[in-house]
PDB file of N, CA and C in Angstrom:
ATOM      1  N   MET A   1    -167.853 -77.259 -94.642  1.00  0.00           N
ATOM      2  CA  MET A   1    -167.098 -77.817 -93.313  1.00  0.00           C
ATOM      3  C   MET A   1    -167.249 -76.154 -92.657  1.00  0.00           C
ATOM      4  N   LYS A   2    -166.539 -75.490 -93.516  1.00  0.00           N
ATOM      5  CA  LYS A   2    -166.369 -74.356 -92.422  1.00  0.00           C
ATOM      6  C   LYS A   2    -167.250 -73.068 -91.883  1.00  0.00           C
ATOM      7  N   TYR A   3    -168.682 -73.729 -92.696  1.00  0.00           N
ATOM      8  CA  TYR A   3    -169.816 -73.099 -92.984  1.00  0.00           C
ATOM      9  C   TYR A   3    -171.099 -73.949 -91.283  1.00  0.00           C
ATOM     10  N   LEU A   4    -170.280 -75.010 -91.233  1.00  0.00           N
ATOM     11  CA  LEU A   4    -170.578 -75.894 -89.974  1.00  0.00           C
ATOM     12  C   LEU A   4    -169.966 -75.011 -88.804  1.00  0.00           C
ATOM     13  N   LEU A   5    -168.228 -75.085 -88.992  1.00  0.00           N
ATOM     14  CA  LEU A   5    -167.810 -74.164 -88.510  1.00  0.00           C
ATOM     15  C   LEU A   5    -168.356 -72.855 -87.723  1.00  0.00           C
ATOM     16  N   ASN A   6    -168.147 -72.272 -88.537  1.00  0.00           N
ATOM     17  CA  ASN A   6    -168.520 -70.847 -87.898  1.00  0.00           C
ATOM     18  C   ASN A   6    -170.262 -70.157 -87.616  1.00  0.00           C
ATOM     19  N   PHE A   7    -171.300 -71.914 -87.896  1.00  0.00           N
ATOM     20  CA  PHE A   7    -172.680 -71.517 -87.380  1.00  0.00           C
ATOM     21  C   PHE A   7    -172.513 -71.889 -85.955  1.00  0.00           C
ATOM     22  N   LEU A   8    -171.151 -73.256 -85.158  1.00  0.00           N
ATOM     23  CA  LEU A   8    -171.382 -73.686 -83.881  1.00  0.00           C
ATOM     24  C   LEU A   8    -170.626 -72.727 -83.506  1.00  0.00           C
ATOM     25  N   GLU A   9    -169.727 -71.483 -84.234  1.00  0.00           N
ATOM     26  CA  GLU A   9    -168.995 -70.527 -82.978  1.00  0.00           C
ATOM     27  C   GLU A   9    -170.356 -69.239 -82.538  1.00  0.00           C
ATOM     28  N   GLY A  10    -171.386 -69.596 -83.413  1.00  0.00           N
ATOM     29  CA  GLY A  10    -172.412 -68.229 -83.010  1.00  0.00           C
ATOM     30  C   GLY A  10    -173.377 -69.047 -81.255  1.00  0.00           C
ATOM     31  N   ILE A  11    -173.438 -70.467 -81.605  1.00  0.00           N
ATOM     32  CA  ILE A  11    -174.405 -71.343 -80.850  1.00  0.00           C
ATOM     33  C   ILE A  11    -173.710 -71.195 -79.346  1.00  0.00           C
ATOM     34  N   PRO A  12    -173.983 -71.005 -77.794  1.00  0.00           N
ATOM     35  CA  PRO A  12    -173.332 -70.863 -76.540  1.00  0.00           C
ATOM     36  C   PRO A  12    -173.145 -72.548 -75.953  1.00  0.00           C
ATOM     37  N   ASP A  13    -173.825 -73.141 -76.441  1.00  0.00           N
ATOM     38  CA  ASP A  13    -173.919 -74.503 -76.013  1.00  0.00           C
ATOM     39  C   ASP A  13    -173.688 -75.646 -76.825  1.00  0.00           C
ATOM     40  N   ALA A  14    -172.414 -75.134 -77.644  1.00  0.00           N
ATOM     41  CA  ALA A  14    -172.171 -75.275 -78.937  1.00  0.00           C
ATOM     42  C   ALA A  14    -170.242 -76.148 -77.900  1.00  0.00           C
ATOM     43  N   PRO A  15    -169.935 -77.317 -79.182  1.00  0.00           N
ATOM     44  CA  PRO A  15    -168.491 -78.141 -78.693  1.00  0.00           C
ATOM     45  C   PRO A  15    -167.742 -76.859 -78.877  1.00  0.00           C
ATOM     46  N   ASN A  16    -166.707 -76.906 -77.943  1.00  0.00           N
ATOM     47  CA  ASN A  16    -165.563 -76.410 -78.102  1.00  0.00           C
ATOM     48  C   ASN A  16    -164.362 -76.367 -79.612  1.00  0.00           C
ATOM     49  N   LEU A  17    -164.347 -75.428 -80.001  1.00  0.00           N
ATOM     50  CA  LEU A  17    -164.126 -75.632 -81.367  1.00  0.00           C
ATOM     51  C   LEU A  17    -162.277 -76.430 -80.829  1.00  0.00           C
ATOM     52  N   SER A  18    -161.747 -75.593 -80.129  1.00  0.00           N
ATOM     53  CA  SER A  18    -160.308 -76.241 -79.493  1.00  0.00           C
ATOM     54  C   SER A  18    -159.878 -77.731 -78.843  1.00  0.00           C
ATOM     55  N   ASP A  19    -161.545 -77.787 -78.562  1.00  0.00           N
ATOM     56  CA  ASP A  19    -161.477 -78.998 -77.984  1.00  0.00           C
ATOM     57  C   ASP A  19    -160.416 -80.524 -78.530  1.00  0.00           C
ATOM     58  N   PRO A  20    -159.707 -80.614 -78.320  1.00  0.00           N
ATOM     59  CA  PRO A  20    -158.893 -82.144 -78.693  1.00  0.00           C
ATOM     60  C   PRO A  20    -159.401 -83.202 -79.235  1.00  0.00           C
ATOM     61  N   GLN A  21    -160.586 -83.366 -78.604  1.00  0.00           N
ATOM     62  CA  GLN A  21    -161.197 -84.178 -78.428  1.00  0.00           C
ATOM     63  C   GLN A  21    -161.798 -84.039 -80.647  1.00  0.00           C
ATOM     64  N   PHE A  22    -162.761 -82.656 -80.457  1.00  0.00           N
ATOM     65  CA  PHE A  22    -163.547 -82.138 -81.707  1.00  0.00           C
ATOM     66  C   PHE A  22    -162.956 -82.389 -82.601  1.00  0.00           C
ATOM     67  N   GLN A  23    -161.086 -81.516 -82.547  1.00  0.00           N
ATOM     68  CA  GLN A  23    -159.764 -81.630 -83.850  1.00  0.00           C
ATOM     69  C   GLN A  23    -159.864 -82.989 -84.137  1.00  0.00           C
ATOM     70  N   GLN A  24    -159.882 -84.376 -83.427  1.00  0.00           N
ATOM     71  CA  GLN A  24    -159.917 -85.068 -83.822  1.00  0.00           C
ATOM     72  C   GLN A  24    -160.598 -85.912 -84.785  1.00  0.00           C
ATOM     73  N   LEU A  25    -162.143 -85.442 -84.279  1.00  0.00           N
ATOM     74  CA  LEU A  25    -163.475 -85.836 -85.184  1.00  0.00           C
ATOM     75  C   LEU A  25    -162.757 -85.529 -86.390  1.00  0.00           C
ATOM     76  N   LEU A  26    -162.980 -83.450 -86.227  1.00  0.00           N
ATOM     77  CA  LEU A  26    -162.615 -83.298 -87.490  1.00  0.00           C
ATOM     78  C   LEU A  26    -161.625 -83.584 -88.299  1.00  0.00           C
ATOM     79  N   ALA A  27    -160.313 -84.351 -88.133  1.00  0.00           N
ATOM     80  CA  ALA A  27    -159.588 -84.761 -88.734  1.00  0.00           C
ATOM     81  C   ALA A  27    -159.855 -86.448 -89.280  1.00  0.00           C
ATOM     82  N   GLU A  28    -160.801 -86.615 -88.515  1.00  0.00           N
ATOM     83  CA  GLU A  28    -161.547 -88.406 -88.511  1.00  0.00           C
ATOM     84  C   GLU A  28    -162.203 -88.656 -89.916  1.00  0.00           C
ATOM     85  N   VAL A  29    -163.104 -87.019 -90.094  1.00  0.00           N
ATOM     86  CA  VAL A  29    -164.032 -86.728 -91.309  1.00  0.00           C
ATOM     87  C   VAL A  29    -163.651 -86.139 -92.227  1.00  0.00           C
ATOM     88  N   GLN A  30    -162.582 -86.124 -92.750  1.00  0.00           N
ATOM     89  CA  GLN A  30    -161.822 -84.773 -93.586  1.00  0.00           C
ATOM     90  C   GLN A  30    -161.572 -85.991 -94.145  1.00  0.00           C
ATOM     91  N   ALA A  31    -160.606 -87.345 -93.335  1.00  0.00           N
ATOM     92  CA  ALA A  31    -159.683 -88.491 -94.109  1.00  0.00           C
ATOM     93  C   ALA A  31    -160.455 -88.743 -94.680  1.00  0.00           C
ATOM     94  N   GLY A  32    -162.166 -88.879 -94.050  1.00  0.00           N
ATOM     95  CA  GLY A  32    -162.878 -90.103 -94.395  1.00  0.00           C
ATOM     96  C   GLY A  32    -163.017 -89.404 -95.802  1.00  0.00           C
ATOM     97  N   LYS A  33    -163.664 -88.588 -96.080  1.00  0.00           N
ATOM     98  CA  LYS A  33    -163.961 -87.633 -97.032  1.00  0.00           C
ATOM     99  C   LYS A  33    -162.534 -87.270 -97.836  1.00  0.00           C
ATOM    100  N   SER A  34    -161.496 -87.783 -98.257  1.00  0.00           N
ATOM    101  CA  SER A  34    -161.115 -87.596 -99.333  1.00  0.00           C
ATOM    102  C   SER A  34    -160.784 -89.302 -99.678  1.00  0.00           C
ATOM    103  N   SER A  35    -160.476 -89.769 -98.530  1.00  0.00           N
ATOM    104  CA  SER A  35    -160.551 -91.029 -99.415  1.00  0.00           C
ATOM    105  C   SER A  35    -161.646 -92.537 -99.703  1.00  0.00           C
ATOM    106  N   ASN A  36    -163.101 -91.414 -99.975  1.00  0.00           N
ATOM    107  CA  ASN A  36    -164.274 -92.311-100.202  1.00  0.00           C
ATOM    108  C   ASN A  36    -164.667 -90.730-101.685  1.00  0.00           C
ATOM    109  N   ARG A  37    -163.825 -90.084-101.655  1.00  0.00           N
ATOM    110  CA  ARG A  37    -163.671 -88.881-103.356  1.00  0.00           C
ATOM    111  C   ARG A  37    -163.630 -89.432-104.286  1.00  0.00           C
ATOM    112  N   SER A  38    -163.009 -90.895-104.790  1.00  0.00           N
ATOM    113  CA  SER A  38    -163.031 -91.527-106.071  1.00  0.00           C
ATOM    114  C   SER A  38    -163.806 -91.901-106.128  1.00  0.00           C
ATOM    115  N   SER A  39    -164.557 -93.136-104.880  1.00  0.00           N
ATOM    116  CA  SER A  39    -165.876 -93.794-105.006  1.00  0.00           C
ATOM    117  C   SER A  39    -166.877 -93.370-105.498  1.00  0.00           C
ATOM    118  N   ALA A  40    -167.021 -91.572-104.882  1.00  0.00           N
ATOM    119  CA  ALA A  40    -168.360 -90.487-105.625  1.00  0.00           C
ATOM    120  C   ALA A  40    -168.326 -90.075-106.907  1.00  0.00           C
ATOM    121  N   ASP A  41    -166.489 -89.581-107.517  1.00  0.00           N
ATOM    122  CA  ASP A  41    -166.239 -89.437-108.800  1.00  0.00           C
ATOM    123  C   ASP A  41    -167.273 -91.050-109.605  1.00  0.00           C
ATOM    124  N   ALA A  42    -166.958 -91.683-109.040  1.00  0.00           N
ATOM    125  CA  ALA A  42    -167.553 -93.055-109.858  1.00  0.00           C
ATOM    126  C   ALA A  42    -168.623 -93.046-110.348  1.00  0.00           C
ATOM    127  N   PHE A  43    -169.399 -92.670-108.984  1.00  0.00           N
ATOM    128  CA  PHE A  43    -170.711 -92.523-108.600  1.00  0.00           C
ATOM    129  C   PHE A  43    -171.384 -91.672-109.868  1.00  0.00           C
ATOM    130  N   TYR A  44    -170.699 -90.723-109.425  1.00  0.00           N
ATOM    131  CA  TYR A  44    -171.492 -90.127-110.110  1.00  0.00           C
ATOM    132  C   TYR A  44    -171.167 -90.139-112.096  1.00  0.00           C
ATOM    133  N   ASP A  45    -170.350 -90.803-112.323  1.00  0.00           N
ATOM    134  CA  ASP A  45    -169.999 -90.861-113.539  1.00  0.00           C
ATOM    135  C   ASP A  45    -170.833 -92.082-113.957  1.00  0.00           C
ATOM    136  N   SER A  46    -171.398 -92.815-112.981  1.00  0.00           N
ATOM    137  CA  SER A  46    -172.281 -93.347-113.553  1.00  0.00           C
ATOM    138  C   SER A  46    -173.513 -92.820-113.288  1.00  0.00           C
ATOM    139  N   LEU A  47    -174.135 -92.303-113.366  1.00  0.00           N
ATOM    140  CA  LEU A  47    -174.761 -91.463-112.720  1.00  0.00           C
ATOM    141  C   LEU A  47    -175.691 -90.417-113.930  1.00  0.00           C
ATOM    142  N   GLU A  48    -174.328 -90.151-114.465  1.00  0.00           N
ATOM    143  CA  GLU A  48    -173.996 -89.000-115.611  1.00  0.00           C
ATOM    144  C   GLU A  48    -174.851 -89.990-117.104  1.00  0.00           C
ATOM    145  N   LYS A  49    -173.824 -90.831-116.733  1.00  0.00           N
ATOM    146  CA  LYS A  49    -174.159 -91.669-118.385  1.00  0.00           C
ATOM    147  C   LYS A  49    -176.135 -92.311-117.581  1.00  0.00           C
ATOM    148  N   ILE A  50    -176.041 -92.693-116.668  1.00  0.00           N
ATOM    149  CA  ILE A  50    -177.581 -92.916-116.631  1.00  0.00           C
ATOM    150  C   ILE A  50    -178.624 -92.101-117.213  1.00  0.00           C
ATOM    151  N   ILE A  51    -178.774 -90.958-116.848  1.00  0.00           N
ATOM    152  CA  ILE A  51    -179.135 -89.543-117.218  1.00  0.00           C
ATOM    153  C   ILE A  51    -178.692 -89.270-118.629  1.00  0.00           C
ATOM    154  N   ASN A  52    -177.813 -89.344-119.113  1.00  0.00           N
ATOM    155  CA  ASN A  52    -177.479 -89.499-120.924  1.00  0.00           C
ATOM    156  C   ASN A  52    -178.514 -90.129-120.777  1.00  0.00           C
ATOM    157  N   GLU A  53    -178.270 -91.510-121.380  1.00  0.00           N
ATOM    158  CA  GLU A  53    -179.456 -92.564-121.640  1.00  0.00           C
ATOM    159  C   GLU A  53    -180.636 -91.991-121.857  1.00  0.00           C
ATOM    160  N   LEU A  54    -181.272 -92.171-120.401  1.00  0.00           N
ATOM    161  CA  LEU A  54    -182.269 -91.419-120.225  1.00  0.00           C
ATOM    162  C   LEU A  54    -183.164 -90.643-121.533  1.00  0.00           C
ATOM    163  N   LYS A  55    -181.533 -89.367-121.781  1.00  0.00           N
ATOM    164  CA  LYS A  55    -181.926 -88.532-122.167  1.00  0.00           C
ATOM    165  C   LYS A  55    -181.479 -88.657-123.399  1.00  0.00           C
ATOM    166  N   SER A  56    -181.372 -89.437-124.350  1.00  0.00           N
ATOM    167  CA  SER A  56    -181.165 -89.688-125.539  1.00  0.00           C
ATOM    168  C   SER A  56    -182.449 -90.895-126.143  1.00  0.00           C
ATOM    169  N   SER A  57    -183.097 -91.103-125.008  1.00  0.00           N
ATOM    170  CA  SER A  57    -184.473 -92.535-125.593  1.00  0.00           C
ATOM    171  C   SER A  57    -185.829 -91.190-126.457  1.00  0.00           C
ATOM    172  N   PRO A  58    -186.275 -91.803-126.744  1.00  0.00           N
ATOM    173  CA  PRO A  58    -186.914 -91.079-127.530  1.00  0.00           C
ATOM    174  C   PRO A  58    -188.198 -90.582-126.502  1.00  0.00           C
ATOM    175  N   GLU A  59    -188.056 -91.652-126.148  1.00  0.00           N
ATOM    176  CA  GLU A  59    -189.619 -91.783-125.160  1.00  0.00           C
ATOM    177  C   GLU A  59    -189.412 -90.157-123.787  1.00  0.00           C
ATOM    178  N   SER A  60    -188.523 -89.544-123.894  1.00  0.00           N
ATOM    179  CA  SER A  60    -187.652 -88.891-123.188  1.00  0.00           C
ATOM    180  C   SER A  60    -188.106 -87.188-123.072  1.00  0.00           C
ATOM    181  N   ILE A  61    -188.714 -86.990-124.750  1.00  0.00           N
ATOM    182  CA  ILE A  61    -188.599 -85.915-125.474  1.00  0.00           C
ATOM    183  C   ILE A  61    -189.701 -85.071-124.360  1.00  0.00           C
ATOM    184  N   ALA A  62    -190.653 -85.512-124.262  1.00  0.00           N
ATOM    185  CA  ALA A  62    -192.146 -84.721-122.882  1.00  0.00           C
ATOM    186  C   ALA A  62    -191.283 -84.255-121.778  1.00  0.00           C
ATOM    187  N   PHE A  63    -190.293 -85.043-121.810  1.00  0.00           N
ATOM    188  CA  PHE A  63    -190.346 -84.173-119.883  1.00  0.00           C
ATOM    189  C   PHE A  63    -188.848 -83.598-120.301  1.00  0.00           C
ATOM    190  N   GLN A  64    -188.693 -82.900-121.285  1.00  0.00           N
ATOM    191  CA  GLN A  64    -187.112 -82.109-121.803  1.00  0.00           C
ATOM    192  C   GLN A  64    -187.152 -80.582-121.449  1.00  0.00           C
ATOM    193  N   ARG A  65    -188.888 -80.418-121.279  1.00  0.00           N
ATOM    194  CA  ARG A  65    -188.465 -78.861-121.366  1.00  0.00           C
ATOM    195  C   ARG A  65    -189.661 -78.759-120.340  1.00  0.00           C
ATOM    196  N   PRO A  66    -190.012 -77.725-120.035  1.00  0.00           N
ATOM    197  CA  PRO A  66    -191.233 -77.589-119.076  1.00  0.00           C
ATOM    198  C   PRO A  66    -191.912 -77.555-120.014  1.00  0.00           C
ATOM    199  N   VAL A  67    -193.445 -77.348-119.612  1.00  0.00           N
ATOM    200  CA  VAL A  67    -194.342 -77.296-120.523  1.00  0.00           C
ATOM    201  C   VAL A  67    -195.017 -75.998-120.630  1.00  0.00           C
ATOM    202  N   SER A  68    -195.252 -75.642-122.059  1.00  0.00           N
ATOM    203  CA  SER A  68    -195.577 -74.371-121.885  1.00  0.00           C
ATOM    204  C   SER A  68    -196.518 -74.121-121.548  1.00  0.00           C
ATOM    205  N   LYS A  69    -197.609 -72.659-121.105  1.00  0.00           N
ATOM    206  CA  LYS A  69    -199.029 -72.358-120.409  1.00  0.00           C
ATOM    207  C   LYS A  69    -199.860 -72.910-122.042  1.00  0.00           C
ATOM    208  N   ARG A  70    -199.217 -72.332-123.071  1.00  0.00           N
ATOM    209  CA  ARG A  70    -199.853 -72.089-124.533  1.00  0.00           C
ATOM    210  C   ARG A  70    -200.020 -73.438-124.595  1.00  0.00           C
ATOM    211  N   ASP A  71    -199.704 -74.612-124.841  1.00  0.00           N
ATOM    212  CA  ASP A  71    -199.677 -75.380-125.156  1.00  0.00           C
ATOM    213  C   ASP A  71    -200.958 -76.367-123.811  1.00  0.00           C
ATOM    214  N   ALA A  72    -200.712 -76.097-122.468  1.00  0.00           N
ATOM    215  CA  ALA A  72    -201.588 -76.805-121.481  1.00  0.00           C
ATOM    216  C   ALA A  72    -201.956 -75.949-121.102  1.00  0.00           C
ATOM    217  N   PRO A  73    -202.808 -74.636-120.892  1.00  0.00           N
ATOM    218  CA  PRO A  73    -203.178 -73.721-119.729  1.00  0.00           C
ATOM    219  C   PRO A  73    -203.157 -74.081-118.656  1.00  0.00           C
ATOM    220  N   ASP A  74    -203.274 -75.023-118.159  1.00  0.00           N
ATOM    221  CA  ASP A  74    -204.551 -75.023-116.605  1.00  0.00           C
ATOM    222  C   ASP A  74    -203.498 -76.343-116.439  1.00  0.00           C
ATOM    223  N   TYR A  75    -202.338 -75.972-116.805  1.00  0.00           N
ATOM    224  CA  TYR A  75    -200.597 -77.676-116.484  1.00  0.00           C
ATOM    225  C   TYR A  75    -200.520 -77.002-114.690  1.00  0.00           C
ATOM    226  N   TYR A  76    -200.715 -75.794-115.130  1.00  0.00           N
ATOM    227  CA  TYR A  76    -199.689 -74.958-112.870  1.00  0.00           C
ATOM    228  C   TYR A  76    -201.063 -74.863-112.199  1.00  0.00           C
ATOM    229  N   ASP A  77    -202.324 -75.254-113.031  1.00  0.00           N
ATOM    230  CA  ASP A  77    -203.425 -74.541-111.936  1.00  0.00           C
ATOM    231  C   ASP A  77    -203.729 -76.073-110.705  1.00  0.00           C
ATOM    232  N   GLY A  78    -203.085 -75.418-109.388  1.00  0.00           N
ATOM    233  CA  GLY A  78    -203.649 -77.024-108.651  1.00  0.00           C
ATOM    234  C   GLY A  78    -204.734 -77.722-109.098  1.00  0.00           C
ATOM    235  N   LYS A  79    -205.660 -76.434-108.988  1.00  0.00           N
ATOM    236  CA  LYS A  79    -207.372 -76.641-108.972  1.00  0.00           C
ATOM    237  C   LYS A  79    -207.747 -77.885-110.021  1.00  0.00           C
ATOM    238  N   SER A  80    -206.651 -78.166-111.083  1.00  0.00           N
ATOM    239  CA  SER A  80    -207.368 -78.470-112.404  1.00  0.00           C
ATOM    240  C   SER A  80    -206.845 -80.197-112.190  1.00  0.00           C
ATOM    241  N   CYS A  81    -205.467 -80.489-111.684  1.00  0.00           N
ATOM    242  CA  CYS A  81    -205.147 -81.227-110.597  1.00  0.00           C
ATOM    243  C   CYS A  81    -205.944 -82.039-109.519  1.00  0.00           C
ATOM    244  N   SER A  82    -206.728 -81.119-109.060  1.00  0.00           N
ATOM    245  CA  SER A  82    -207.234 -81.922-108.322  1.00  0.00           C
ATOM    246  C   SER A  82    -209.015 -82.291-108.652  1.00  0.00           C
ATOM    247  N   LYS A  83    -209.481 -81.692-109.671  1.00  0.00           N
ATOM    248  CA  LYS A  83    -210.200 -82.702-111.006  1.00  0.00           C
ATOM    249  C   LYS A  83    -209.726 -83.767-111.052  1.00  0.00           C
ATOM    250  N   MET A  84    -208.904 -84.332-111.562  1.00  0.00           N
ATOM    251  CA  MET A  84    -208.430 -85.065-112.257  1.00  0.00           C
ATOM    252  C   MET A  84    -207.816 -86.161-110.647  1.00  0.00           C
ATOM    253  N   LEU A  85    -208.018 -85.827-109.209  1.00  0.00           N
ATOM    254  CA  LEU A  85    -208.142 -86.854-108.998  1.00  0.00           C
ATOM    255  C   LEU A  85    -209.162 -87.196-107.883  1.00  0.00           C
ATOM    256  N   LEU A  86    -210.596 -86.938-108.606  1.00  0.00           N
ATOM    257  CA  LEU A  86    -211.749 -87.349-108.020  1.00  0.00           C
ATOM    258  C   LEU A  86    -212.365 -88.293-109.577  1.00  0.00           C
TER     259      LEU A  86
END
């Protein structure tokens, strides 16, 4: 939030930061952010569980590390991708 406010201070036609309506809006955003924190934490916990399950799958081993140039020299070459599309 502080970065947004700092950015708005530098814009000539930005809203007046000391305006009561703007302050009320900021208070409502902050209140909503804190009340949604527990649901966001639960969401991130469920995402982390899914990621851990995917990582533990034997089929995911090929996707857990970057492709080395030694194993596939033209993997990062954009021209080789266009050949596959033809």
